[in-house]
Amino acid sequence: MRTNIVIPMKDPLLSKTRLHPHLSSGQRQALALSMFKTTLAFFKQHFSQHHLLVVTGSDFIADIARNYGASVLIESKLGLRQAVESAARWSLNNDFQSQLLIPADIAELDHREFERLLMTHRPVPSVVLCPAYDLGTNALLTTPPNVIPFLYGIDSSQAHQSAAHERGIACQVMNLPALALDIDTPDDLELLALLSSPITQELNKLCKIA
């Protein structure tokens, strides 16, 4: 089953605003950019058999994505929902049967978790999702790509489950510890400090610069 891995990415100038005032504007931009590059490198190293698409409104981000071998979809509309809807149409138009949506701010990327996710049995149609600790959606695997509406926001993992159930679509929830931690709030930064990931090292460098 052909799966398109999709990473939505804002311009770093607009990223991680909830980390203010714990990080300065420059630190937030650097952290967002570091996490994005780490995510691209991770998929290039461990999952090069899958196609990678970055959806963004930033030419700067688009150039970085292409340097890592990813395709780019320029989406100038504001809002994550519009961006991922465009990505789903792109996936369908390019003959992908499945789409995996992944944010660019996972604190610790574990290839074993992604292997389990991508290799899980999934009927057609189906949804597989991995909740964040705050009940957001940190991975959304949809077969076909547009099988449910994209409902990102507060408690989006529950909203995606409800959307699947309302349509009679098989929905599997996978609780994966590393994938559950994204970096959005000061509390996330405290958890990140306990890890030994490349993102933690980047954060430590940024804090020394402050």
Protein backbone atom coordinates (compact mmCIF):
# COMPACT_ATOMS: atom_id res chain seq x y z
CA MET A 1 0.00 0.00 0.00
CA ARG A 2 1.56 3.29 -1.13
CA THR A 3 1.75 5.70 1.79
CA ASN A 4 2.54 9.38 1.58
CA ILE A 5 4.12 10.84 4.73
CA VAL A 6 3.03 14.47 5.09
CA ILE A 7 4.67 17.07 7.33
CA PRO A 8 2.92 20.44 7.63
CA MET A 9 5.33 23.25 8.53
CA LYS A 10 4.76 26.94 9.22
CA ASP A 11 7.23 29.70 8.62
CA PRO A 12 9.48 29.62 11.72
CA LEU A 13 8.55 33.26 12.37
CA LEU A 14 5.02 32.05 13.17
CA SER A 15 5.97 28.92 15.11
CA LYS A 16 5.90 28.06 18.82
CA THR A 17 4.26 31.28 20.01
CA ARG A 18 2.99 29.52 23.16
CA LEU A 19 6.61 29.14 24.32
CA HIS A 20 6.78 32.91 24.90
CA PRO A 21 8.14 34.25 27.26
CA HIS A 22 10.19 31.16 28.16
CA LEU A 23 12.02 31.44 24.84
CA SER A 24 12.74 34.57 22.85
CA SER A 25 11.47 34.98 19.31
CA GLY A 26 14.87 34.01 17.91
CA GLN A 27 15.08 30.95 20.16
CA ARG A 28 11.60 29.81 19.16
CA GLN A 29 12.45 30.13 15.49
CA ALA A 30 15.70 28.23 15.94
CA LEU A 31 13.99 25.46 17.90
CA ALA A 32 11.20 25.08 15.33
CA LEU A 33 13.71 24.95 12.49
CA SER A 34 15.90 22.43 14.31
CA MET A 35 12.94 20.12 14.97
CA PHE A 36 11.84 20.37 11.34
CA LYS A 37 15.29 19.45 10.02
CA THR A 38 15.57 16.61 12.54
CA THR A 39 12.22 15.25 11.37
CA LEU A 40 13.23 15.40 7.71
CA ALA A 41 16.56 13.70 8.41
CA PHE A 42 14.82 11.00 10.47
CA PHE A 43 12.46 9.98 7.68
CA LYS A 44 15.17 10.20 5.05
CA GLN A 45 17.38 7.86 7.09
CA HIS A 46 14.83 5.35 8.35
CA PHE A 47 11.91 5.43 5.93
CA SER A 48 13.30 6.38 2.54
CA GLN A 49 11.00 3.76 0.95
CA HIS A 50 8.07 6.07 1.65
CA HIS A 51 7.37 9.30 -0.16
CA LEU A 52 7.73 12.49 1.91
CA LEU A 53 5.69 15.64 1.28
CA VAL A 54 6.08 18.95 3.11
CA VAL A 55 3.14 21.33 2.96
CA THR A 56 4.03 24.92 3.76
CA GLY A 57 3.40 28.52 2.87
CA SER A 58 7.09 29.41 3.24
CA ASP A 59 9.56 29.39 0.34
CA PHE A 60 12.36 29.17 2.90
CA ILE A 61 10.90 25.98 4.38
CA ALA A 62 10.24 24.64 0.89
CA ASP A 63 13.91 24.98 -0.06
CA ILE A 64 14.99 23.12 3.09
CA ALA A 65 12.51 20.33 2.40
CA ARG A 66 13.77 19.86 -1.14
CA ASN A 67 17.35 19.63 0.15
CA TYR A 68 16.25 16.59 2.15
CA GLY A 69 14.63 15.00 -0.89
CA ALA A 70 11.03 15.80 0.03
CA SER A 71 8.36 16.97 -2.37
CA VAL A 72 6.74 20.31 -1.58
CA LEU A 73 3.19 21.55 -1.70
CA ILE A 74 2.94 25.32 -1.33
CA GLU A 75 -0.23 26.15 0.61
CA SER A 76 -0.62 29.87 1.19
CA LYS A 77 -3.89 29.69 3.14
CA LEU A 78 -3.66 30.15 6.88
CA GLY A 79 -4.64 27.23 9.07
CA LEU A 80 -3.57 23.65 9.52
CA ARG A 81 -6.87 22.20 8.38
CA GLN A 82 -6.71 23.80 4.94
CA ALA A 83 -3.10 22.72 4.55
CA VAL A 84 -3.75 19.07 5.33
CA GLU A 85 -6.88 19.00 3.19
CA SER A 86 -4.73 20.17 0.29
CA ALA A 87 -2.18 17.48 1.13
CA ALA A 88 -4.89 14.79 1.06
CA ARG A 89 -5.99 15.93 -2.40
CA TRP A 90 -2.35 15.86 -3.52
CA SER A 91 -1.95 12.33 -2.16
CA LEU A 92 -5.05 11.11 -4.00
CA ASN A 93 -4.05 12.82 -7.24
CA ASN A 94 -0.67 11.10 -7.04
CA ASP A 95 -2.13 7.62 -6.47
CA PHE A 96 -1.31 7.16 -2.79
CA GLN A 97 -3.67 4.79 -1.01
CA SER A 98 -2.73 6.02 2.49
CA GLN A 99 -1.49 9.23 4.06
CA LEU A 100 0.40 9.64 7.34
CA LEU A 101 0.25 13.13 8.85
CA ILE A 102 3.09 13.91 11.25
CA PRO A 103 3.89 17.24 12.95
CA ALA A 104 7.42 18.63 12.79
CA ASP A 105 7.75 19.07 16.54
CA ILE A 106 7.95 15.57 18.03
CA ALA A 107 10.46 15.68 20.88
CA GLU A 108 11.95 12.22 20.35
CA LEU A 109 11.55 10.28 17.11
CA ASP A 110 11.68 6.50 17.63
CA HIS A 111 11.97 4.49 14.42
CA ARG A 112 10.55 1.39 16.14
CA GLU A 113 7.35 3.25 16.92
CA PHE A 114 7.02 4.39 13.33
CA GLU A 115 7.71 0.89 12.03
CA ARG A 116 4.92 -0.41 14.23
CA LEU A 117 2.61 2.35 13.04
CA LEU A 118 3.34 1.97 9.33
CA MET A 119 3.25 -1.83 9.41
CA THR A 120 0.00 -2.13 11.34
CA HIS A 121 -2.77 -3.95 9.49
CA ARG A 122 -5.32 -1.49 8.18
CA PRO A 123 -8.39 -2.27 6.11
CA VAL A 124 -9.80 0.00 3.45
CA PRO A 125 -11.24 2.33 4.64
CA SER A 126 -9.61 2.88 8.02
CA VAL A 127 -8.05 5.36 10.42
CA VAL A 128 -5.08 4.82 12.73
CA LEU A 129 -4.19 7.60 15.12
CA CYS A 130 -1.65 8.28 17.85
CA PRO A 131 -2.79 10.76 20.51
CA ALA A 132 -0.55 13.35 22.10
CA TYR A 133 -0.40 13.56 25.87
CA ASP A 134 -2.77 16.54 25.71
CA LEU A 135 -5.18 14.51 23.48
CA GLY A 136 -4.11 16.26 20.31
CA THR A 137 -3.29 14.14 17.27
CA ASN A 138 0.41 13.45 16.73
CA ALA A 139 -0.01 10.88 13.96
CA LEU A 140 -2.97 10.35 11.68
CA LEU A 141 -2.85 7.49 9.17
CA THR A 142 -5.83 7.60 6.85
CA THR A 143 -6.75 5.06 4.16
CA PRO A 144 -7.72 6.51 1.73
CA PRO A 145 -6.08 9.87 2.49
CA ASN A 146 -9.36 11.82 2.73
CA VAL A 147 -11.42 9.15 4.52
CA ILE A 148 -12.39 11.53 7.37
CA PRO A 149 -12.37 15.32 7.78
CA PHE A 150 -9.33 16.81 9.48
CA LEU A 151 -10.33 18.25 12.84
CA TYR A 152 -7.17 19.63 14.41
CA GLY A 153 -7.56 21.67 17.56
CA ILE A 154 -8.28 20.96 21.23
CA ASP A 155 -8.72 17.21 21.90
CA SER A 156 -8.42 16.50 18.18
CA SER A 157 -7.65 12.81 18.69
CA GLN A 158 -11.11 12.36 20.19
CA ALA A 159 -12.65 14.42 17.39
CA HIS A 160 -10.96 12.23 14.76
CA GLN A 161 -12.16 9.07 16.52
CA SER A 162 -15.71 10.41 16.59
CA ALA A 163 -15.56 11.34 12.90
CA ALA A 164 -14.48 7.80 12.02
CA HIS A 165 -17.12 6.15 14.20
CA GLU A 166 -19.89 8.37 12.82
CA ARG A 167 -18.98 7.15 9.33
CA GLY A 168 -18.66 3.49 10.31
CA ILE A 169 -14.92 3.51 9.57
CA ALA A 170 -12.54 1.24 11.46
CA CYS A 171 -10.45 3.36 13.84
CA GLN A 172 -7.43 2.08 15.76
CA VAL A 173 -5.79 4.12 18.53
CA MET A 174 -2.09 3.45 19.11
CA ASN A 175 -0.55 4.89 22.26
CA LEU A 176 3.15 5.38 21.49
CA PRO A 177 5.10 7.08 24.31
CA ALA A 178 7.75 8.94 22.31
CA LEU A 179 5.32 10.02 19.61
CA ALA A 180 2.92 11.35 22.24
CA LEU A 181 5.24 14.22 23.21
CA ASP A 182 5.25 17.28 20.98
CA ILE A 183 6.68 20.65 21.94
CA ASP A 184 3.98 23.31 22.22
CA THR A 185 3.92 24.60 25.79
CA PRO A 186 6.31 25.42 28.65
CA ASP A 187 5.25 22.15 30.33
CA ASP A 188 6.45 20.29 27.22
CA LEU A 189 9.82 22.00 27.57
CA GLU A 190 10.15 20.62 31.09
CA LEU A 191 9.49 17.09 29.84
CA LEU A 192 11.90 17.62 26.97
CA ALA A 193 14.67 18.49 29.44
CA LEU A 194 14.44 14.93 30.81
CA LEU A 195 15.24 13.36 27.44
CA SER A 196 18.58 12.88 25.70
CA SER A 197 17.35 13.52 22.18
CA PRO A 198 18.93 15.83 19.58
CA ILE A 199 16.12 18.30 20.25
CA THR A 200 17.09 18.41 23.94
CA GLN A 201 20.67 19.20 22.98
CA GLU A 202 19.45 21.99 20.71
CA LEU A 203 17.27 23.42 23.47
CA ASN A 204 20.21 23.39 25.90
CA LYS A 205 22.31 25.34 23.41
CA LEU A 206 19.55 27.88 22.89
CA CYS A 207 19.13 28.41 26.63
CA LYS A 208 22.86 29.06 27.00
CA ILE A 209 22.63 31.71 24.31
CA ALA A 210 19.81 33.51 26.13
